[in-house]
């Protein structure tokens, strides 16, 4: 992954609650989170539904817009002061002209897809306790980096339910 990160020649610093991306915009960049944390969410009837977080050493993207070149429904917002490195689609395409780099890029895309599938399965089939335990096992750093109200939203439970699960 380091080879992809090194393509970046631009760094953006976001203040707390500042948006990196808003709904209806096209964003074909990939971002590497150097510090801080982000939340990726959609609005459903004016209610935020968090679908992903990004924190230090994560790659994040509005993958739908990256792949299609069309506007995305996603918002990407800093939860605290966050520094990201910007890797443009043009930089990645230039990098991929070297055939040996394809395997690395495919691995990165596979990781994005697998994370999303794992999340969908959790939301559709697991109880609140199972979702909590799976996320705790998969991403323990989440609980040090992200406020509980956002974790509860991500896990599709109330903050009170999350609090009870953390105590048990």
N, C-alpha and C. Protein backbone atom coordinates (compact mmCIF):
# COMPACT_ATOMS: atom_id res chain seq x y z
N UNK A 1 0.82 -1.19 0.00
CA UNK A 1 0.00 0.00 0.00
C UNK A 1 0.87 1.26 0.00
N UNK A 2 2.05 1.16 0.56
CA UNK A 2 2.93 2.32 0.64
C UNK A 2 3.19 2.93 -0.74
N UNK A 3 3.28 2.08 -1.75
CA UNK A 3 3.53 2.58 -3.11
C UNK A 3 2.39 3.48 -3.59
N UNK A 4 1.16 3.14 -3.23
CA UNK A 4 0.00 3.96 -3.61
C UNK A 4 0.04 5.28 -2.85
N UNK A 5 0.32 5.24 -1.57
CA UNK A 5 0.36 6.45 -0.74
C UNK A 5 1.41 7.42 -1.26
N UNK A 6 2.54 6.89 -1.69
CA UNK A 6 3.63 7.73 -2.17
C UNK A 6 3.29 8.45 -3.47
N UNK A 7 2.21 8.08 -4.13
CA UNK A 7 1.78 8.78 -5.34
C UNK A 7 1.28 10.19 -5.00
N UNK A 8 0.83 10.37 -3.78
CA UNK A 8 0.21 11.62 -3.36
C UNK A 8 1.22 12.76 -3.33
N UNK A 9 0.80 13.89 -3.89
CA UNK A 9 1.61 15.10 -3.79
C UNK A 9 0.81 16.24 -3.14
N UNK A 10 -0.36 15.89 -2.58
CA UNK A 10 -1.23 16.88 -1.96
C UNK A 10 -1.70 16.37 -0.61
N UNK A 11 -1.67 17.26 0.37
CA UNK A 11 -2.18 16.95 1.70
C UNK A 11 -3.27 17.97 2.03
N UNK A 12 -4.35 17.48 2.64
CA UNK A 12 -5.45 18.35 3.07
C UNK A 12 -5.60 18.19 4.58
N UNK A 13 -5.75 19.33 5.26
CA UNK A 13 -6.05 19.31 6.69
C UNK A 13 -7.49 19.77 6.87
N UNK A 14 -8.27 18.92 7.50
CA UNK A 14 -9.67 19.23 7.76
C UNK A 14 -9.84 19.53 9.24
N UNK A 15 -10.60 20.54 9.54
CA UNK A 15 -10.93 20.83 10.93
C UNK A 15 -12.10 19.94 11.34
N UNK A 16 -12.33 19.83 12.65
CA UNK A 16 -13.43 19.03 13.17
C UNK A 16 -14.74 19.43 12.49
N UNK A 17 -15.51 18.45 12.04
CA UNK A 17 -16.81 18.60 11.39
C UNK A 17 -16.73 19.14 9.95
N UNK A 18 -15.55 19.40 9.45
CA UNK A 18 -15.42 19.88 8.06
C UNK A 18 -15.63 18.71 7.10
N UNK A 19 -16.25 19.01 5.96
CA UNK A 19 -16.54 17.97 4.98
C UNK A 19 -15.42 17.86 3.96
N UNK A 20 -15.02 16.63 3.69
CA UNK A 20 -14.09 16.34 2.60
C UNK A 20 -14.87 16.17 1.30
N UNK A 21 -16.09 15.67 1.43
CA UNK A 21 -16.95 15.41 0.28
C UNK A 21 -18.40 15.52 0.71
N UNK A 22 -19.24 16.05 -0.18
CA UNK A 22 -20.67 16.13 0.11
C UNK A 22 -21.46 15.45 -1.00
N UNK A 23 -22.68 15.08 -0.66
CA UNK A 23 -23.59 14.43 -1.60
C UNK A 23 -23.73 15.26 -2.88
N UNK A 24 -23.84 14.54 -3.99
CA UNK A 24 -24.08 15.20 -5.27
C UNK A 24 -22.83 15.65 -5.99
N UNK A 25 -21.67 15.41 -5.39
CA UNK A 25 -20.42 15.79 -6.04
C UNK A 25 -19.70 14.55 -6.56
N UNK A 26 -18.90 14.78 -7.57
CA UNK A 26 -18.07 13.71 -8.12
C UNK A 26 -16.72 13.79 -7.42
N UNK A 27 -16.26 12.65 -6.94
CA UNK A 27 -14.96 12.62 -6.26
C UNK A 27 -14.25 11.34 -6.68
N UNK A 28 -13.24 11.49 -7.51
CA UNK A 28 -12.51 10.32 -7.99
C UNK A 28 -11.14 10.19 -7.32
N UNK A 29 -11.02 10.77 -6.14
CA UNK A 29 -9.78 10.65 -5.37
C UNK A 29 -9.89 9.51 -4.37
N UNK A 30 -8.74 9.01 -3.98
CA UNK A 30 -8.61 8.10 -2.86
C UNK A 30 -7.82 8.88 -1.81
N UNK A 31 -8.17 8.70 -0.55
CA UNK A 31 -7.54 9.45 0.52
C UNK A 31 -6.88 8.50 1.51
N UNK A 32 -5.68 8.85 1.90
CA UNK A 32 -4.98 8.12 2.95
C UNK A 32 -5.01 8.97 4.21
N UNK A 33 -5.54 8.42 5.28
CA UNK A 33 -5.68 9.16 6.53
C UNK A 33 -4.35 9.10 7.30
N UNK A 34 -3.67 10.23 7.37
CA UNK A 34 -2.42 10.30 8.13
C UNK A 34 -2.68 10.44 9.62
N UNK A 35 -3.69 11.24 9.97
CA UNK A 35 -4.06 11.41 11.37
C UNK A 35 -5.50 11.85 11.43
N UNK A 36 -6.12 11.64 12.61
CA UNK A 36 -7.50 12.03 12.78
C UNK A 36 -8.46 10.90 12.41
N UNK A 37 -9.73 11.28 12.20
CA UNK A 37 -10.73 10.29 11.84
C UNK A 37 -11.85 10.93 11.03
N UNK A 38 -12.45 10.11 10.20
CA UNK A 38 -13.52 10.53 9.29
C UNK A 38 -14.70 9.60 9.46
N UNK A 39 -15.86 10.10 9.11
CA UNK A 39 -17.02 9.22 8.99
C UNK A 39 -17.57 9.38 7.58
N UNK A 40 -18.03 8.28 7.04
CA UNK A 40 -18.65 8.27 5.72
C UNK A 40 -20.10 7.89 5.95
N UNK A 41 -21.01 8.75 5.46
CA UNK A 41 -22.42 8.50 5.73
C UNK A 41 -23.29 8.94 4.57
N UNK A 42 -24.54 8.48 4.63
CA UNK A 42 -25.58 8.90 3.70
C UNK A 42 -26.71 9.50 4.54
N UNK A 43 -27.53 10.29 3.89
CA UNK A 43 -28.73 10.81 4.54
C UNK A 43 -29.91 10.00 4.05
N UNK A 44 -30.69 9.50 4.99
CA UNK A 44 -31.90 8.74 4.69
C UNK A 44 -33.05 9.45 5.39
N UNK A 45 -33.88 10.14 4.59
CA UNK A 45 -34.95 10.95 5.17
C UNK A 45 -34.42 11.89 6.26
N UNK A 46 -33.38 12.60 5.95
CA UNK A 46 -32.73 13.55 6.85
C UNK A 46 -32.08 12.91 8.07
N UNK A 47 -31.98 11.59 8.10
CA UNK A 47 -31.30 10.90 9.18
C UNK A 47 -29.97 10.36 8.67
N UNK A 48 -28.91 10.65 9.40
CA UNK A 48 -27.59 10.18 9.00
C UNK A 48 -27.46 8.68 9.27
N UNK A 49 -26.90 7.98 8.29
CA UNK A 49 -26.61 6.55 8.43
C UNK A 49 -25.13 6.36 8.11
N UNK A 50 -24.34 6.14 9.14
CA UNK A 50 -22.90 5.97 8.95
C UNK A 50 -22.64 4.59 8.37
N UNK A 51 -21.86 4.56 7.29
CA UNK A 51 -21.56 3.28 6.65
C UNK A 51 -20.10 2.87 6.81
N UNK A 52 -19.27 3.82 7.18
CA UNK A 52 -17.85 3.49 7.31
C UNK A 52 -17.14 4.58 8.08
N UNK A 53 -16.02 4.21 8.68
CA UNK A 53 -15.11 5.16 9.32
C UNK A 53 -13.76 5.06 8.66
N UNK A 54 -13.00 6.11 8.76
CA UNK A 54 -11.61 6.08 8.33
C UNK A 54 -10.78 6.70 9.42
N UNK A 55 -9.69 6.05 9.79
CA UNK A 55 -8.79 6.60 10.77
C UNK A 55 -7.37 6.29 10.34
N UNK A 56 -6.42 6.69 11.16
CA UNK A 56 -5.01 6.63 10.78
C UNK A 56 -4.65 5.32 10.08
N UNK A 57 -3.94 5.46 8.97
CA UNK A 57 -3.43 4.37 8.14
C UNK A 57 -4.53 3.69 7.31
N UNK A 58 -5.71 4.32 7.17
CA UNK A 58 -6.78 3.79 6.33
C UNK A 58 -6.82 4.52 5.00
N UNK A 59 -7.23 3.79 3.98
CA UNK A 59 -7.59 4.41 2.71
C UNK A 59 -9.11 4.55 2.71
N UNK A 60 -9.60 5.70 2.27
CA UNK A 60 -11.03 5.92 2.14
C UNK A 60 -11.30 6.54 0.78
N UNK A 61 -12.51 6.33 0.30
CA UNK A 61 -12.92 6.89 -0.99
C UNK A 61 -14.43 6.85 -1.08
N UNK A 62 -14.96 7.72 -1.91
CA UNK A 62 -16.36 7.59 -2.34
C UNK A 62 -16.28 6.62 -3.52
N UNK A 63 -16.23 5.35 -3.19
CA UNK A 63 -15.91 4.34 -4.19
C UNK A 63 -16.89 4.33 -5.35
N UNK A 64 -18.17 4.61 -5.09
CA UNK A 64 -19.14 4.64 -6.18
C UNK A 64 -18.77 5.72 -7.20
N UNK A 65 -18.40 6.88 -6.73
CA UNK A 65 -18.02 7.98 -7.61
C UNK A 65 -16.67 7.72 -8.27
N UNK A 66 -15.74 7.15 -7.50
CA UNK A 66 -14.42 6.82 -8.04
C UNK A 66 -14.55 5.89 -9.25
N UNK A 67 -15.37 4.86 -9.09
CA UNK A 67 -15.49 3.85 -10.15
C UNK A 67 -16.34 4.32 -11.33
N UNK A 68 -17.40 5.09 -11.05
CA UNK A 68 -18.34 5.47 -12.11
C UNK A 68 -18.08 6.85 -12.70
N UNK A 69 -17.41 7.71 -11.96
CA UNK A 69 -17.22 9.08 -12.41
C UNK A 69 -18.49 9.91 -12.28
N UNK A 70 -19.47 9.39 -11.55
CA UNK A 70 -20.76 10.08 -11.37
C UNK A 70 -20.88 10.62 -9.96
N UNK A 71 -21.83 11.54 -9.74
CA UNK A 71 -22.02 12.06 -8.38
C UNK A 71 -22.38 10.94 -7.39
N UNK A 72 -21.92 11.12 -6.18
CA UNK A 72 -22.13 10.14 -5.12
C UNK A 72 -23.17 10.65 -4.12
N UNK A 73 -23.81 9.74 -3.41
CA UNK A 73 -24.73 10.08 -2.33
C UNK A 73 -23.99 10.20 -0.99
N UNK A 74 -22.70 9.96 -1.00
CA UNK A 74 -21.93 9.91 0.24
C UNK A 74 -21.46 11.28 0.70
N UNK A 75 -21.37 11.39 2.02
CA UNK A 75 -20.72 12.51 2.69
C UNK A 75 -19.49 11.93 3.39
N UNK A 76 -18.39 12.66 3.37
CA UNK A 76 -17.21 12.28 4.14
C UNK A 76 -16.86 13.48 5.01
N UNK A 77 -16.88 13.27 6.34
CA UNK A 77 -16.73 14.38 7.28
C UNK A 77 -15.70 14.03 8.35
N UNK A 78 -14.87 15.02 8.69
CA UNK A 78 -13.88 14.85 9.75
C UNK A 78 -14.59 14.84 11.11
N UNK A 79 -14.23 13.89 11.96
CA UNK A 79 -14.76 13.83 13.32
C UNK A 79 -13.90 14.64 14.28
N UNK A 80 -12.67 14.86 13.90
CA UNK A 80 -11.74 15.71 14.63
C UNK A 80 -10.74 16.22 13.61
N UNK A 81 -9.81 17.05 14.01
CA UNK A 81 -8.83 17.54 13.06
C UNK A 81 -8.17 16.34 12.37
N UNK A 82 -8.19 16.35 11.06
CA UNK A 82 -7.76 15.19 10.28
C UNK A 82 -6.87 15.63 9.13
N UNK A 83 -5.81 14.89 8.91
CA UNK A 83 -4.91 15.14 7.79
C UNK A 83 -4.99 13.95 6.84
N UNK A 84 -5.29 14.25 5.57
CA UNK A 84 -5.37 13.20 4.56
C UNK A 84 -4.43 13.53 3.40
N UNK A 85 -3.90 12.49 2.82
CA UNK A 85 -3.13 12.63 1.59
C UNK A 85 -4.06 12.27 0.44
N UNK A 86 -4.01 13.05 -0.62
CA UNK A 86 -4.89 12.89 -1.77
C UNK A 86 -4.15 12.12 -2.86
N UNK A 87 -4.78 11.05 -3.33
CA UNK A 87 -4.25 10.29 -4.45
C UNK A 87 -5.31 10.35 -5.54
N UNK A 88 -4.99 10.98 -6.65
CA UNK A 88 -5.97 11.17 -7.71
C UNK A 88 -6.10 9.93 -8.57
N UNK A 89 -7.22 9.83 -9.24
CA UNK A 89 -7.44 8.71 -10.15
C UNK A 89 -6.40 8.72 -11.26
N UNK A 90 -6.04 9.92 -11.73
CA UNK A 90 -5.02 10.03 -12.78
C UNK A 90 -3.68 9.48 -12.28
N UNK A 91 -3.33 9.77 -11.03
CA UNK A 91 -2.08 9.24 -10.46
C UNK A 91 -2.13 7.71 -10.38
N UNK A 92 -3.27 7.19 -9.98
CA UNK A 92 -3.41 5.73 -9.88
C UNK A 92 -3.36 5.10 -11.27
N UNK A 93 -4.03 5.69 -12.25
CA UNK A 93 -4.01 5.15 -13.61
C UNK A 93 -2.59 5.16 -14.19
N UNK A 94 -1.84 6.20 -13.91
CA UNK A 94 -0.44 6.27 -14.36
C UNK A 94 0.37 5.16 -13.69
N UNK A 95 0.16 4.99 -12.39
CA UNK A 95 0.83 3.94 -11.62
C UNK A 95 0.51 2.55 -12.19
N UNK A 96 -0.72 2.36 -12.65
CA UNK A 96 -1.16 1.05 -13.15
C UNK A 96 -0.67 0.74 -14.55
N UNK A 97 -0.02 1.70 -15.21
CA UNK A 97 0.59 1.41 -16.51
C UNK A 97 1.71 0.39 -16.36
N UNK A 98 2.26 0.33 -15.17
CA UNK A 98 3.26 -0.67 -14.83
C UNK A 98 2.51 -1.94 -14.43
N UNK A 99 2.58 -2.96 -15.25
CA UNK A 99 1.77 -4.16 -15.05
C UNK A 99 1.95 -4.79 -13.67
N UNK A 100 3.14 -4.71 -13.12
CA UNK A 100 3.40 -5.33 -11.82
C UNK A 100 2.62 -4.66 -10.69
N UNK A 101 2.10 -3.45 -10.91
CA UNK A 101 1.36 -2.73 -9.87
C UNK A 101 -0.11 -3.15 -9.79
N UNK A 102 -0.59 -3.84 -10.79
CA UNK A 102 -2.01 -4.23 -10.82
C UNK A 102 -2.41 -5.08 -9.62
N UNK A 103 -1.54 -6.00 -9.24
CA UNK A 103 -1.88 -6.90 -8.14
C UNK A 103 -2.11 -6.13 -6.84
N UNK A 104 -1.29 -5.13 -6.57
CA UNK A 104 -1.47 -4.30 -5.39
C UNK A 104 -2.81 -3.57 -5.44
N UNK A 105 -3.16 -2.99 -6.58
CA UNK A 105 -4.41 -2.24 -6.71
C UNK A 105 -5.62 -3.17 -6.57
N UNK A 106 -5.55 -4.34 -7.15
CA UNK A 106 -6.63 -5.32 -7.02
C UNK A 106 -6.81 -5.70 -5.55
N UNK A 107 -5.72 -5.86 -4.82
CA UNK A 107 -5.79 -6.20 -3.40
C UNK A 107 -6.48 -5.08 -2.61
N UNK A 108 -6.17 -3.84 -2.91
CA UNK A 108 -6.80 -2.70 -2.24
C UNK A 108 -8.30 -2.68 -2.52
N UNK A 109 -8.69 -2.87 -3.78
CA UNK A 109 -10.11 -2.89 -4.14
C UNK A 109 -10.82 -4.08 -3.50
N UNK A 110 -10.16 -5.23 -3.47
CA UNK A 110 -10.75 -6.40 -2.81
C UNK A 110 -11.01 -6.12 -1.34
N UNK A 111 -10.07 -5.45 -0.67
CA UNK A 111 -10.25 -5.12 0.75
C UNK A 111 -11.47 -4.21 0.94
N UNK A 112 -11.63 -3.20 0.07
CA UNK A 112 -12.80 -2.33 0.14
C UNK A 112 -14.09 -3.15 0.03
N UNK A 113 -14.14 -4.03 -0.96
CA UNK A 113 -15.35 -4.82 -1.21
C UNK A 113 -15.62 -5.79 -0.06
N UNK A 114 -14.60 -6.46 0.42
CA UNK A 114 -14.79 -7.42 1.52
C UNK A 114 -15.25 -6.73 2.80
N UNK A 115 -14.70 -5.56 3.09
CA UNK A 115 -15.13 -4.82 4.27
C UNK A 115 -16.61 -4.44 4.15
N UNK A 116 -17.01 -4.01 2.96
CA UNK A 116 -18.40 -3.60 2.76
C UNK A 116 -19.34 -4.80 2.86
N UNK A 117 -18.94 -5.94 2.29
CA UNK A 117 -19.78 -7.14 2.37
C UNK A 117 -19.91 -7.61 3.80
N UNK A 118 -18.82 -7.61 4.54
CA UNK A 118 -18.85 -8.02 5.94
C UNK A 118 -19.81 -7.13 6.74
N UNK A 119 -19.75 -5.85 6.47
CA UNK A 119 -20.63 -4.89 7.15
C UNK A 119 -22.09 -5.15 6.81
N UNK A 120 -22.39 -5.37 5.53
CA UNK A 120 -23.77 -5.62 5.12
C UNK A 120 -24.33 -6.87 5.78
N UNK A 121 -23.54 -7.91 5.82
CA UNK A 121 -23.98 -9.16 6.44
C UNK A 121 -24.24 -8.94 7.93
N UNK A 122 -23.34 -8.21 8.61
CA UNK A 122 -23.54 -7.89 10.03
C UNK A 122 -24.87 -7.17 10.25
N UNK A 123 -25.12 -6.15 9.47
CA UNK A 123 -26.33 -5.34 9.64
C UNK A 123 -27.59 -6.16 9.39
N UNK A 124 -27.53 -7.04 8.40
CA UNK A 124 -28.72 -7.79 8.01
C UNK A 124 -29.00 -9.01 8.87
N UNK A 125 -27.97 -9.60 9.45
CA UNK A 125 -28.19 -10.90 10.09
C UNK A 125 -27.85 -10.97 11.57
N UNK A 126 -27.06 -10.07 12.08
CA UNK A 126 -26.57 -10.24 13.46
C UNK A 126 -27.39 -9.42 14.46
N UNK A 127 -27.41 -9.91 15.68
CA UNK A 127 -28.04 -9.15 16.77
C UNK A 127 -27.14 -7.98 17.14
N UNK A 128 -27.66 -7.06 17.94
CA UNK A 128 -26.87 -5.91 18.38
C UNK A 128 -25.59 -6.37 19.09
N UNK A 129 -25.73 -7.36 19.95
CA UNK A 129 -24.55 -7.86 20.68
C UNK A 129 -23.54 -8.47 19.73
N UNK A 130 -24.00 -9.25 18.76
CA UNK A 130 -23.09 -9.86 17.79
C UNK A 130 -22.38 -8.79 16.95
N UNK A 131 -23.13 -7.77 16.53
CA UNK A 131 -22.51 -6.68 15.75
C UNK A 131 -21.43 -5.99 16.57
N UNK A 132 -21.74 -5.69 17.81
CA UNK A 132 -20.78 -5.05 18.70
C UNK A 132 -19.52 -5.91 18.85
N UNK A 133 -19.70 -7.20 19.14
CA UNK A 133 -18.55 -8.09 19.35
C UNK A 133 -17.71 -8.24 18.08
N UNK A 134 -18.35 -8.33 16.93
CA UNK A 134 -17.60 -8.46 15.67
C UNK A 134 -16.78 -7.21 15.38
N UNK A 135 -17.37 -6.05 15.59
CA UNK A 135 -16.64 -4.80 15.34
C UNK A 135 -15.51 -4.65 16.36
N UNK A 136 -15.77 -5.01 17.61
CA UNK A 136 -14.73 -4.94 18.64
C UNK A 136 -13.54 -5.83 18.27
N UNK A 137 -13.84 -7.02 17.77
CA UNK A 137 -12.79 -7.95 17.37
C UNK A 137 -12.07 -7.47 16.11
N UNK A 138 -12.82 -7.00 15.13
CA UNK A 138 -12.29 -6.60 13.83
C UNK A 138 -11.52 -5.28 13.91
N UNK A 139 -12.03 -4.32 14.68
CA UNK A 139 -11.46 -2.97 14.70
C UNK A 139 -11.47 -2.40 16.12
N UNK A 140 -10.67 -2.95 17.02
CA UNK A 140 -10.69 -2.45 18.39
C UNK A 140 -10.30 -0.97 18.49
N UNK A 141 -9.48 -0.50 17.56
CA UNK A 141 -9.06 0.91 17.57
C UNK A 141 -10.24 1.86 17.35
N UNK A 142 -11.30 1.36 16.76
CA UNK A 142 -12.50 2.17 16.53
C UNK A 142 -12.98 2.78 17.85
N UNK A 143 -12.94 1.99 18.91
CA UNK A 143 -13.48 2.43 20.20
C UNK A 143 -12.57 3.45 20.89
N UNK A 144 -11.32 3.59 20.44
CA UNK A 144 -10.44 4.63 20.97
C UNK A 144 -10.51 5.89 20.12
N UNK A 145 -10.92 5.76 18.87
CA UNK A 145 -10.84 6.86 17.91
C UNK A 145 -12.16 7.58 17.66
N UNK A 146 -13.27 6.88 17.82
CA UNK A 146 -14.56 7.38 17.35
C UNK A 146 -15.52 7.58 18.54
N UNK A 147 -16.23 8.71 18.58
CA UNK A 147 -17.21 8.92 19.65
C UNK A 147 -18.30 7.85 19.64
N UNK A 148 -18.77 7.49 20.85
CA UNK A 148 -19.77 6.42 20.99
C UNK A 148 -21.05 6.67 20.18
N UNK A 149 -21.49 7.93 20.10
CA UNK A 149 -22.74 8.19 19.37
C UNK A 149 -22.59 7.81 17.90
N UNK A 150 -21.40 7.97 17.33
CA UNK A 150 -21.19 7.58 15.93
C UNK A 150 -21.05 6.06 15.78
N UNK A 151 -20.39 5.43 16.75
CA UNK A 151 -20.28 3.97 16.72
C UNK A 151 -21.68 3.35 16.82
N UNK A 152 -22.51 3.89 17.71
CA UNK A 152 -23.88 3.37 17.85
C UNK A 152 -24.64 3.50 16.53
N UNK A 153 -24.52 4.65 15.87
CA UNK A 153 -25.19 4.84 14.59
C UNK A 153 -24.68 3.82 13.57
N UNK A 154 -23.38 3.65 13.51
CA UNK A 154 -22.77 2.68 12.59
C UNK A 154 -23.27 1.26 12.84
N UNK A 155 -23.43 0.93 14.13
CA UNK A 155 -23.89 -0.42 14.51
C UNK A 155 -25.41 -0.55 14.48
N UNK A 156 -26.11 0.54 14.14
CA UNK A 156 -27.58 0.56 14.06
C UNK A 156 -28.21 0.20 15.40
N UNK A 157 -27.77 0.94 16.42
CA UNK A 157 -28.34 0.77 17.75
C UNK A 157 -28.34 2.13 18.45
N UNK A 158 -29.04 2.22 19.54
CA UNK A 158 -29.06 3.47 20.29
C UNK A 158 -27.75 3.59 21.09
N UNK A 159 -27.36 4.82 21.44
CA UNK A 159 -26.18 4.97 22.30
C UNK A 159 -26.33 4.25 23.63
N UNK A 160 -27.57 4.18 24.14
CA UNK A 160 -27.82 3.48 25.41
C UNK A 160 -27.55 1.98 25.27
N UNK A 161 -27.97 1.39 24.14
CA UNK A 161 -27.71 -0.03 23.91
C UNK A 161 -26.21 -0.28 23.83
N UNK A 162 -25.51 0.59 23.11
CA UNK A 162 -24.05 0.44 23.00
C UNK A 162 -23.42 0.54 24.39
N UNK A 163 -23.85 1.47 25.19
CA UNK A 163 -23.31 1.64 26.53
C UNK A 163 -23.52 0.37 27.37
N UNK A 164 -24.72 -0.21 27.28
CA UNK A 164 -25.00 -1.45 28.02
C UNK A 164 -24.09 -2.59 27.54
N UNK A 165 -23.91 -2.68 26.23
CA UNK A 165 -23.06 -3.77 25.68
C UNK A 165 -21.60 -3.60 26.11
N UNK A 166 -21.14 -2.38 26.17
CA UNK A 166 -19.76 -2.12 26.57
C UNK A 166 -19.54 -2.48 28.04
N UNK A 167 -20.57 -2.30 28.85
CA UNK A 167 -20.46 -2.62 30.28
C UNK A 167 -20.51 -4.10 30.55
N UNK A 168 -21.20 -4.86 29.67
CA UNK A 168 -21.37 -6.30 29.93
C UNK A 168 -20.18 -7.12 29.49
